[in-house]
C-alpha atoms as a PDB file:
ATOM      1  CA  MET A   1      68.857  54.873 -21.497  1.00  0.00           C
ATOM      2  CA  ILE A   2      66.156  53.398 -19.440  1.00  0.00           C
ATOM      3  CA  SER A   3      64.068  50.565 -20.821  1.00  0.00           C
ATOM      4  CA  LYS A   4      60.288  50.883 -22.197  1.00  0.00           C
ATOM      5  CA  LYS A   5      59.361  48.921 -19.108  1.00  0.00           C
ATOM      6  CA  GLN A   6      61.198  51.361 -16.678  1.00  0.00           C
ATOM      7  CA  PHE A   7      59.813  54.313 -18.528  1.00  0.00           C
ATOM      8  CA  GLN A   8      56.092  53.090 -18.281  1.00  0.00           C
ATOM      9  CA  LYS A   9      56.726  52.501 -14.750  1.00  0.00           C
ATOM     10  CA  GLU A  10      57.655  56.079 -14.213  1.00  0.00           C
ATOM     11  CA  ILE A  11      54.315  57.190 -16.052  1.00  0.00           C
ATOM     12  CA  ASP A  12      52.360  54.740 -13.872  1.00  0.00           C
ATOM     13  CA  LEU A  13      53.804  56.500 -10.831  1.00  0.00           C
ATOM     14  CA  ILE A  14      53.154  59.992 -12.115  1.00  0.00           C
ATOM     15  CA  ILE A  15      49.350  59.199 -12.960  1.00  0.00           C
ATOM     16  CA  ALA A  16      48.856  57.422  -9.422  1.00  0.00           C
ATOM     17  CA  ASN A  17      50.490  60.150  -7.476  1.00  0.00           C
ATOM     18  CA  ALA A  18      48.815  62.984  -9.359  1.00  0.00           C
ATOM     19  CA  ILE A  19      45.427  61.480  -8.914  1.00  0.00           C
ATOM     20  CA  ARG A  20      46.094  60.936  -5.188  1.00  0.00           C
ATOM     21  CA  GLU A  21      47.199  64.511  -4.899  1.00  0.00           C
ATOM     22  CA  ASP A  22      44.385  66.064  -6.846  1.00  0.00           C
ATOM     23  CA  VAL A  23      41.338  63.823  -5.697  1.00  0.00           C
ATOM     24  CA  GLY A  24      42.235  62.878  -2.159  1.00  0.00           C
ATOM     25  CA  SER A  25      39.116  61.726  -0.275  1.00  0.00           C
ATOM     26  CA  GLY A  26      36.823  62.456  -3.290  1.00  0.00           C
ATOM     27  CA  ASP A  27      35.866  64.989  -5.959  1.00  0.00           C
ATOM     28  CA  HIS A  28      33.196  66.612  -3.758  1.00  0.00           C
ATOM     29  CA  SER A  29      32.155  69.213  -6.299  1.00  0.00           C
ATOM     30  CA  SER A  30      31.093  66.516  -8.800  1.00  0.00           C
ATOM     31  CA  LEU A  31      29.889  64.127  -6.069  1.00  0.00           C
ATOM     32  CA  ALA A  32      27.601  66.951  -4.817  1.00  0.00           C
ATOM     33  CA  CYS A  33      25.727  67.829  -8.040  1.00  0.00           C
ATOM     34  CA  ILE A  34      26.257  65.019 -10.443  1.00  0.00           C
ATOM     35  CA  SER A  35      24.627  61.579 -10.157  1.00  0.00           C
ATOM     36  CA  GLU A  36      26.760  58.407 -10.140  1.00  0.00           C
ATOM     37  CA  GLU A  37      24.836  57.025 -13.134  1.00  0.00           C
ATOM     38  CA  ALA A  38      25.072  60.330 -15.218  1.00  0.00           C
ATOM     39  CA  GLU A  39      27.036  60.072 -18.566  1.00  0.00           C
ATOM     40  CA  GLY A  40      28.420  62.459 -21.005  1.00  0.00           C
ATOM     41  CA  THR A  41      31.013  63.566 -23.488  1.00  0.00           C
ATOM     42  CA  ALA A  42      33.695  66.152 -23.518  1.00  0.00           C
ATOM     43  CA  LYS A  43      36.028  67.338 -26.095  1.00  0.00           C
ATOM     44  CA  LEU A  44      39.734  68.548 -25.844  1.00  0.00           C
ATOM     45  CA  LEU A  45      39.748  71.842 -27.504  1.00  0.00           C
ATOM     46  CA  VAL A  46      42.696  73.626 -28.711  1.00  0.00           C
ATOM     47  CA  LYS A  47      42.916  77.526 -28.090  1.00  0.00           C
ATOM     48  CA  ASP A  48      46.559  78.076 -29.228  1.00  0.00           C
ATOM     49  CA  GLU A  49      48.734  76.739 -31.955  1.00  0.00           C
ATOM     50  CA  GLY A  50      51.808  74.469 -32.001  1.00  0.00           C
ATOM     51  CA  ILE A  51      52.504  70.692 -31.641  1.00  0.00           C
ATOM     52  CA  ILE A  52      49.896  68.677 -29.585  1.00  0.00           C
ATOM     53  CA  ALA A  53      51.492  66.207 -27.177  1.00  0.00           C
ATOM     54  CA  GLY A  54      50.113  64.099 -24.450  1.00  0.00           C
ATOM     55  CA  VAL A  55      47.351  62.210 -26.257  1.00  0.00           C
ATOM     56  CA  GLU A  56      48.441  58.941 -25.394  1.00  0.00           C
ATOM     57  CA  PHE A  57      49.256  60.004 -21.779  1.00  0.00           C
ATOM     58  CA  ALA A  58      45.658  61.154 -21.563  1.00  0.00           C
ATOM     59  CA  LYS A  59      44.243  57.889 -22.635  1.00  0.00           C
ATOM     60  CA  GLN A  60      46.224  56.220 -19.844  1.00  0.00           C
ATOM     61  CA  VAL A  61      44.901  58.782 -17.333  1.00  0.00           C
ATOM     62  CA  PHE A  62      41.332  58.070 -18.384  1.00  0.00           C
ATOM     63  CA  ASP A  63      41.889  54.445 -18.338  1.00  0.00           C
ATOM     64  CA  PHE A  64      43.317  54.595 -14.645  1.00  0.00           C
ATOM     65  CA  VAL A  65      40.527  56.805 -13.512  1.00  0.00           C
ATOM     66  CA  ASP A  66      37.769  54.452 -15.124  1.00  0.00           C
ATOM     67  CA  HIS A  67      38.135  51.626 -17.500  1.00  0.00           C
ATOM     68  CA  GLY A  68      34.781  52.399 -18.894  1.00  0.00           C
ATOM     69  CA  LEU A  69      35.749  55.790 -20.395  1.00  0.00           C
ATOM     70  CA  GLU A  70      36.063  55.825 -24.209  1.00  0.00           C
ATOM     71  CA  VAL A  71      38.482  58.088 -25.979  1.00  0.00           C
ATOM     72  CA  ASP A  72      38.013  58.915 -29.640  1.00  0.00           C
ATOM     73  CA  VAL A  73      41.263  60.442 -30.881  1.00  0.00           C
ATOM     74  CA  LYS A  74      41.065  62.954 -33.826  1.00  0.00           C
ATOM     75  CA  ILE A  75      44.447  64.321 -33.770  1.00  0.00           C
ATOM     76  CA  LYS A  76      47.625  62.285 -32.795  1.00  0.00           C
ATOM     77  CA  ASP A  77      50.599  63.191 -30.779  1.00  0.00           C
ATOM     78  CA  GLY A  78      53.147  65.283 -32.840  1.00  0.00           C
ATOM     79  CA  THR A  79      50.623  66.755 -35.079  1.00  0.00           C
ATOM     80  CA  PRO A  80      50.588  70.655 -35.621  1.00  0.00           C
ATOM     81  CA  VAL A  81      47.175  72.126 -34.289  1.00  0.00           C
ATOM     82  CA  LYS A  82      45.642  75.494 -34.371  1.00  0.00           C
ATOM     83  CA  TYR A  83      42.897  77.378 -32.621  1.00  0.00           C
ATOM     84  CA  GLY A  84      39.513  75.590 -32.832  1.00  0.00           C
ATOM     85  CA  ASP A  85      40.949  71.966 -33.396  1.00  0.00           C
ATOM     86  CA  VAL A  86      39.309  69.218 -31.494  1.00  0.00           C
ATOM     87  CA  VAL A  87      42.013  66.688 -30.407  1.00  0.00           C
ATOM     88  CA  PHE A  88      39.871  64.001 -28.931  1.00  0.00           C
ATOM     89  CA  TYR A  89      36.437  63.198 -27.401  1.00  0.00           C
ATOM     90  CA  VAL A  90      36.086  61.307 -24.185  1.00  0.00           C
ATOM     91  CA  SER A  91      32.676  59.576 -23.208  1.00  0.00           C
ATOM     92  CA  GLY A  92      31.518  57.758 -20.188  1.00  0.00           C
ATOM     93  CA  LEU A  93      30.539  58.664 -16.532  1.00  0.00           C
ATOM     94  CA  SER A  94      30.555  62.404 -16.178  1.00  0.00           C
ATOM     95  CA  GLN A  95      32.021  62.017 -12.607  1.00  0.00           C
ATOM     96  CA  SER A  96      34.847  60.092 -14.016  1.00  0.00           C
ATOM     97  CA  ILE A  97      35.634  62.563 -16.842  1.00  0.00           C
ATOM     98  CA  LEU A  98      35.765  65.448 -14.366  1.00  0.00           C
ATOM     99  CA  LYS A  99      38.031  63.385 -11.981  1.00  0.00           C
ATOM    100  CA  ALA A 100      40.681  63.001 -14.554  1.00  0.00           C
ATOM    101  CA  GLU A 101      40.112  66.505 -16.318  1.00  0.00           C
ATOM    102  CA  ARG A 102      42.842  68.514 -14.496  1.00  0.00           C
ATOM    103  CA  LEU A 103      45.722  65.881 -14.756  1.00  0.00           C
ATOM    104  CA  VAL A 104      44.906  65.629 -18.404  1.00  0.00           C
ATOM    105  CA  LEU A 105      44.979  69.239 -18.970  1.00  0.00           C
ATOM    106  CA  ASN A 106      48.047  70.103 -16.941  1.00  0.00           C
ATOM    107  CA  ALA A 107      50.067  67.409 -18.516  1.00  0.00           C
ATOM    108  CA  MET A 108      48.956  67.995 -22.008  1.00  0.00           C
ATOM    109  CA  GLN A 109      49.375  71.806 -21.899  1.00  0.00           C
ATOM    110  CA  ARG A 110      52.983  71.466 -20.526  1.00  0.00           C
ATOM    111  CA  MET A 111      53.755  68.622 -22.890  1.00  0.00           C
ATOM    112  CA  SER A 112      52.436  70.377 -26.049  1.00  0.00           C
ATOM    113  CA  ALA A 113      54.606  73.438 -25.028  1.00  0.00           C
ATOM    114  CA  ILE A 114      57.696  71.364 -24.999  1.00  0.00           C
ATOM    115  CA  ALA A 115      56.891  69.512 -28.088  1.00  0.00           C
ATOM    116  CA  THR A 116      56.555  72.769 -29.774  1.00  0.00           C
ATOM    117  CA  LYS A 117      59.609  74.283 -28.603  1.00  0.00           C
ATOM    118  CA  THR A 118      61.528  71.072 -29.479  1.00  0.00           C
ATOM    119  CA  ASN A 119      60.108  71.094 -33.084  1.00  0.00           C
ATOM    120  CA  GLN A 120      61.378  74.652 -33.440  1.00  0.00           C
ATOM    121  CA  TYR A 121      64.981  73.446 -32.979  1.00  0.00           C
ATOM    122  CA  VAL A 122      64.368  70.407 -34.910  1.00  0.00           C
ATOM    123  CA  LYS A 123      63.353  72.473 -37.931  1.00  0.00           C
ATOM    124  CA  LEU A 124      66.200  75.056 -37.337  1.00  0.00           C
ATOM    125  CA  LEU A 125      68.773  72.298 -37.434  1.00  0.00           C
ATOM    126  CA  GLU A 126      67.387  70.702 -40.713  1.00  0.00           C
ATOM    127  CA  GLY A 127      70.187  70.072 -43.180  1.00  0.00           C
ATOM    128  CA  THR A 128      72.837  69.557 -40.538  1.00  0.00           C
ATOM    129  CA  ASN A 129      74.018  66.390 -38.973  1.00  0.00           C
ATOM    130  CA  THR A 130      73.099  67.626 -35.491  1.00  0.00           C
ATOM    131  CA  GLN A 131      70.358  66.527 -33.098  1.00  0.00           C
ATOM    132  CA  ILE A 132      68.733  68.281 -30.288  1.00  0.00           C
ATOM    133  CA  LEU A 133      68.828  66.776 -26.880  1.00  0.00           C
ATOM    134  CA  ASP A 134      67.078  67.330 -23.648  1.00  0.00           C
ATOM    135  CA  THR A 135      68.748  67.635 -20.237  1.00  0.00           C
ATOM    136  CA  ARG A 136      67.935  66.624 -16.544  1.00  0.00           C
ATOM    137  CA  LYS A 137      66.652  70.245 -16.129  1.00  0.00           C
ATOM    138  CA  THR A 138      63.128  69.053 -15.744  1.00  0.00           C
ATOM    139  CA  THR A 139      60.097  69.491 -13.301  1.00  0.00           C
ATOM    140  CA  PRO A 140      60.697  67.128 -10.318  1.00  0.00           C
ATOM    141  CA  GLY A 141      58.336  64.351 -10.368  1.00  0.00           C
ATOM    142  CA  ILE A 142      57.355  64.579 -14.067  1.00  0.00           C
ATOM    143  CA  ARG A 143      60.543  64.146 -15.882  1.00  0.00           C
ATOM    144  CA  ALA A 144      59.102  61.210 -18.028  1.00  0.00           C
ATOM    145  CA  LEU A 145      56.372  63.322 -19.343  1.00  0.00           C
ATOM    146  CA  GLU A 146      58.694  66.071 -20.287  1.00  0.00           C
ATOM    147  CA  LYS A 147      61.082  63.712 -21.915  1.00  0.00           C
ATOM    148  CA  TRP A 148      58.351  62.158 -23.705  1.00  0.00           C
ATOM    149  CA  ALA A 149      57.184  65.354 -25.115  1.00  0.00           C
ATOM    150  CA  VAL A 150      60.672  66.032 -26.328  1.00  0.00           C
ATOM    151  CA  LYS A 151      60.541  62.903 -28.444  1.00  0.00           C
ATOM    152  CA  ILE A 152      57.170  63.919 -29.654  1.00  0.00           C
ATOM    153  CA  GLY A 153      58.584  67.249 -30.858  1.00  0.00           C
ATOM    154  CA  GLY A 154      61.217  65.406 -32.699  1.00  0.00           C
ATOM    155  CA  GLY A 155      64.058  65.808 -30.332  1.00  0.00           C
ATOM    156  CA  GLU A 156      66.239  63.143 -28.641  1.00  0.00           C
ATOM    157  CA  ASN A 157      66.518  62.346 -25.016  1.00  0.00           C
ATOM    158  CA  HIS A 158      69.797  62.549 -23.187  1.00  0.00           C
ATOM    159  CA  ARG A 159      70.277  60.432 -20.131  1.00  0.00           C
ATOM    160  CA  PHE A 160      67.178  59.863 -18.026  1.00  0.00           C
ATOM    161  CA  ALA A 161      68.623  60.322 -14.550  1.00  0.00           C
ATOM    162  CA  LEU A 162      71.856  59.806 -12.791  1.00  0.00           C
ATOM    163  CA  TYR A 163      71.699  56.038 -13.028  1.00  0.00           C
ATOM    164  CA  ASP A 164      71.650  55.380 -16.792  1.00  0.00           C
ATOM    165  CA  MET A 165      74.743  57.125 -17.931  1.00  0.00           C
ATOM    166  CA  ILE A 166      78.103  58.495 -16.460  1.00  0.00           C
ATOM    167  CA  MET A 167      78.497  62.145 -17.016  1.00  0.00           C
ATOM    168  CA  LEU A 168      81.794  63.549 -15.517  1.00  0.00           C
ATOM    169  CA  LYS A 169      80.971  67.293 -15.243  1.00  0.00           C
ATOM    170  CA  ASP A 170      83.122  70.165 -13.911  1.00  0.00           C
ATOM    171  CA  ASN A 171      82.448  69.381 -10.277  1.00  0.00           C
ATOM    172  CA  HIS A 172      83.041  65.745 -10.576  1.00  0.00           C
ATOM    173  CA  ILE A 173      86.469  66.494 -12.207  1.00  0.00           C
ATOM    174  CA  ASP A 174      87.473  69.027  -9.791  1.00  0.00           C
ATOM    175  CA  PHE A 175      86.327  67.073  -6.578  1.00  0.00           C
ATOM    176  CA  CYS A 176      88.214  64.032  -8.003  1.00  0.00           C
ATOM    177  CA  GLY A 177      91.318  65.713  -8.820  1.00  0.00           C
ATOM    178  CA  GLY A 178      91.598  66.062 -12.487  1.00  0.00           C
ATOM    179  CA  ILE A 179      90.211  64.690 -15.808  1.00  0.00           C
ATOM    180  CA  THR A 180      92.625  61.615 -16.320  1.00  0.00           C
ATOM    181  CA  LYS A 181      91.971  60.587 -12.805  1.00  0.00           C
ATOM    182  CA  ALA A 182      88.306  60.892 -12.943  1.00  0.00           C
ATOM    183  CA  ILE A 183      88.108  58.828 -16.191  1.00  0.00           C
ATOM    184  CA  ALA A 184      90.296  56.194 -14.803  1.00  0.00           C
ATOM    185  CA  GLN A 185      88.401  55.790 -11.629  1.00  0.00           C
ATOM    186  CA  THR A 186      85.113  55.761 -13.518  1.00  0.00           C
ATOM    187  CA  LYS A 187      86.291  53.060 -15.757  1.00  0.00           C
ATOM    188  CA  ALA A 188      87.452  51.049 -12.662  1.00  0.00           C
ATOM    189  CA  TYR A 189      84.180  51.570 -10.994  1.00  0.00           C
ATOM    190  CA  LEU A 190      82.253  50.258 -13.889  1.00  0.00           C
ATOM    191  CA  LYS A 191      84.278  47.176 -14.207  1.00  0.00           C
ATOM    192  CA  LYS A 192      84.164  46.406 -10.528  1.00  0.00           C
ATOM    193  CA  ASN A 193      80.434  46.818 -10.401  1.00  0.00           C
ATOM    194  CA  LYS A 194      79.819  45.018 -13.787  1.00  0.00           C
ATOM    195  CA  LEU A 195      78.078  48.142 -15.181  1.00  0.00           C
ATOM    196  CA  ASN A 196      77.749  48.938 -18.776  1.00  0.00           C
ATOM    197  CA  LEU A 197      77.352  52.697 -18.872  1.00  0.00           C
ATOM    198  CA  LYS A 198      78.396  55.129 -21.522  1.00  0.00           C
ATOM    199  CA  ILE A 199      80.822  57.833 -20.313  1.00  0.00           C
ATOM    200  CA  ILE A 200      80.418  61.574 -21.213  1.00  0.00           C
ATOM    201  CA  VAL A 201      83.223  64.019 -20.168  1.00  0.00           C
ATOM    202  CA  GLU A 202      82.638  67.778 -20.011  1.00  0.00           C
ATOM    203  CA  ALA A 203      85.452  70.029 -21.347  1.00  0.00           C
ATOM    204  CA  ARG A 204      85.838  73.530 -20.378  1.00  0.00           C
ATOM    205  CA  SER A 205      88.762  74.280 -22.697  1.00  0.00           C
ATOM    206  CA  LEU A 206      90.716  73.003 -25.785  1.00  0.00           C
ATOM    207  CA  ASP A 207      93.410  71.788 -23.248  1.00  0.00           C
ATOM    208  CA  GLU A 208      90.827  69.793 -21.433  1.00  0.00           C
ATOM    209  CA  ILE A 209      89.675  68.328 -24.746  1.00  0.00           C
ATOM    210  CA  ALA A 210      93.315  67.211 -25.465  1.00  0.00           C
ATOM    211  CA  GLU A 211      93.542  65.673 -21.959  1.00  0.00           C
ATOM    212  CA  ILE A 212      90.234  63.718 -22.473  1.00  0.00           C
ATOM    213  CA  LEU A 213      91.420  62.288 -25.692  1.00  0.00           C
ATOM    214  CA  GLU A 214      94.437  60.758 -24.233  1.00  0.00           C
ATOM    215  CA  SER A 215      91.997  58.330 -22.327  1.00  0.00           C
ATOM    216  CA  ASP A 216      90.145  55.467 -24.072  1.00  0.00           C
ATOM    217  CA  GLY A 217      86.520  54.449 -23.427  1.00  0.00           C
ATOM    218  CA  VAL A 218      84.936  58.081 -23.683  1.00  0.00           C
ATOM    219  CA  TYR A 219      81.624  57.899 -25.694  1.00  0.00           C
ATOM    220  CA  ARG A 220      81.096  61.699 -25.916  1.00  0.00           C
ATOM    221  CA  ILE A 221      82.710  64.792 -25.086  1.00  0.00           C
ATOM    222  CA  LEU A 222      80.585  67.733 -23.910  1.00  0.00           C
ATOM    223  CA  ILE A 223      81.948  71.013 -25.284  1.00  0.00           C
ATOM    224  CA  ASP A 224      80.595  73.314 -22.524  1.00  0.00           C
ATOM    225  CA  ASN A 225      80.310  76.983 -23.187  1.00  0.00           C
ATOM    226  CA  PHE A 226      82.721  77.291 -26.078  1.00  0.00           C
ATOM    227  CA  ASN A 227      82.434  80.164 -28.716  1.00  0.00           C
ATOM    228  CA  TYR A 228      81.887  79.209 -32.362  1.00  0.00           C
ATOM    229  CA  GLU A 229      85.747  79.345 -33.432  1.00  0.00           C
ATOM    230  CA  ASP A 230      86.829  77.100 -30.533  1.00  0.00           C
ATOM    231  CA  THR A 231      83.928  74.681 -30.974  1.00  0.00           C
ATOM    232  CA  LYS A 232      85.155  74.266 -34.641  1.00  0.00           C
ATOM    233  CA  LYS A 233      88.698  73.528 -33.264  1.00  0.00           C
ATOM    234  CA  ALA A 234      87.349  71.085 -30.706  1.00  0.00           C
ATOM    235  CA  VAL A 235      85.325  69.188 -33.424  1.00  0.00           C
ATOM    236  CA  ALA A 236      88.469  69.032 -35.481  1.00  0.00           C
ATOM    237  CA  MET A 237      90.657  67.742 -32.595  1.00  0.00           C
ATOM    238  CA  ILE A 238      88.031  65.063 -31.631  1.00  0.00           C
ATOM    239  CA  GLY A 239      87.510  63.865 -35.289  1.00  0.00           C
ATOM    240  CA  ASP A 240      85.859  60.371 -35.137  1.00  0.00           C
ATOM    241  CA  LYS A 241      87.520  59.412 -31.814  1.00  0.00           C
ATOM    242  CA  CYS A 242      84.138  60.017 -30.116  1.00  0.00           C
ATOM    243  CA  LEU A 243      80.835  61.881 -30.439  1.00  0.00           C
ATOM    244  CA  THR A 244      80.547  65.610 -29.615  1.00  0.00           C
ATOM    245  CA  GLU A 245      77.850  67.659 -27.871  1.00  0.00           C
ATOM    246  CA  SER A 246      77.733  71.419 -27.437  1.00  0.00           C
ATOM    247  CA  SER A 247      75.959  72.936 -24.568  1.00  0.00           C
ATOM    248  CA  GLY A 248      75.753  75.988 -22.330  1.00  0.00           C
ATOM    249  CA  GLY A 249      73.192  78.629 -22.947  1.00  0.00           C
ATOM    250  CA  ILE A 250      72.597  77.693 -26.602  1.00  0.00           C
ATOM    251  CA  THR A 251      69.262  79.404 -27.884  1.00  0.00           C
ATOM    252  CA  LEU A 252      67.180  79.302 -31.078  1.00  0.00           C
ATOM    253  CA  GLU A 253      69.287  82.230 -32.087  1.00  0.00           C
ATOM    254  CA  THR A 254      72.616  80.436 -31.809  1.00  0.00           C
ATOM    255  CA  ALA A 255      71.764  76.768 -32.250  1.00  0.00           C
ATOM    256  CA  ARG A 256      71.974  76.684 -36.043  1.00  0.00           C
ATOM    257  CA  LYS A 257      75.632  78.345 -35.920  1.00  0.00           C
ATOM    258  CA  TYR A 258      76.712  75.701 -33.287  1.00  0.00           C
ATOM    259  CA  ALA A 259      75.399  72.871 -35.566  1.00  0.00           C
ATOM    260  CA  GLU A 260      77.368  74.267 -38.481  1.00  0.00           C
ATOM    261  CA  CYS A 261      80.586  73.925 -36.378  1.00  0.00           C
ATOM    262  CA  GLY A 262      79.844  70.144 -36.783  1.00  0.00           C
ATOM    263  CA  VAL A 263      78.894  68.851 -33.567  1.00  0.00           C
ATOM    264  CA  ASN A 264      76.791  65.620 -33.385  1.00  0.00           C
ATOM    265  CA  TYR A 265      74.359  66.906 -30.610  1.00  0.00           C
ATOM    266  CA  ILE A 266      73.253  70.127 -28.978  1.00  0.00           C
ATOM    267  CA  SER A 267      71.789  69.890 -25.642  1.00  0.00           C
ATOM    268  CA  SER A 268      69.562  72.471 -24.201  1.00  0.00           C
ATOM    269  CA  GLY A 269      67.663  72.814 -20.799  1.00  0.00           C
ATOM    270  CA  ALA A 270      65.320  75.422 -22.282  1.00  0.00           C
ATOM    271  CA  LEU A 271      63.451  72.548 -23.884  1.00  0.00           C
ATOM    272  CA  THR A 272      61.902  71.706 -20.693  1.00  0.00           C
ATOM    273  CA  HIS A 273      62.429  74.588 -18.258  1.00  0.00           C
ATOM    274  CA  SER A 274      61.519  77.655 -20.350  1.00  0.00           C
ATOM    275  CA  VAL A 275      58.082  76.939 -21.822  1.00  0.00           C
ATOM    276  CA  TYR A 276      54.821  78.485 -21.819  1.00  0.00           C
ATOM    277  CA  ASN A 277      51.947  76.019 -21.490  1.00  0.00           C
ATOM    278  CA  MET A 278      49.629  75.654 -24.702  1.00  0.00           C
ATOM    279  CA  ASP A 279      46.095  76.777 -23.982  1.00  0.00           C
ATOM    280  CA  LEU A 280      43.871  73.725 -23.920  1.00  0.00           C
ATOM    281  CA  SER A 281      40.346  73.036 -22.612  1.00  0.00           C
ATOM    282  CA  LEU A 282      38.343  70.169 -21.853  1.00  0.00           C
ATOM    283  CA  LYS A 283      34.628  71.147 -22.523  1.00  0.00           C
ATOM    284  CA  ALA A 284      31.413  69.230 -22.072  1.00  0.00           C
ATOM    285  CA  VAL A 285      29.543  68.402 -25.321  1.00  0.00           C
ATOM    286  CA  GLN A 286      25.941  69.515 -24.935  1.00  0.00           C
END
């Protein structure tokens, strides 16, 4: 996984680019009718229910726009919220609050939706030894926010990107010419380039799992699109030789059954690509 320093760099880039995209040459609506000296307070109002996420991100956005803005947090990230709750108050120059408003809302609405959905999976898997993982099926440009939201919801992050873990999927295996060859060449590549990256290998059948197990150095086997019965067989075959992960169209309706097959992880792209934004508003306090 990437370091905290690398992750923060991604967050900084998201904020800078989003403000550049939204503000451009200036927030002319605010510049036209609000004086530079005018000050005010706004509240983040919940108009939905779920798990709130993005509070700490919002604080960073407000600080980027104007170091003088003060945020009074009433509800922390990861907390269940309901209609009418006030998450925080922000006070300072009115123009600055309005400049940050849309980025804060867009981010928090999506992050809260992801955290809420992730938390549903987490609760569903309680009592098993299985953890829920996200994937790289994220919105281009804001992956760091979406993976942050998964953590807030109680889930775990898979690899962040292509550079922090090796994942030999079906296309890698087919293009390379087979599982054994792909694993061998990967290990040689890592040694040659002095890289310490974990190796995950995708299996499409029990025969492929048997072949993967013939090679050393595999961190986790991705049991992809297996039914329940074959998943149980796969887990039994693998034993404690490496970790196991189920994936492939797993939903809230099927996740528990896959967890009961004994896998260590379940990965689901739906955590980040199939959510409905939580309804939030930033309203001026009169």
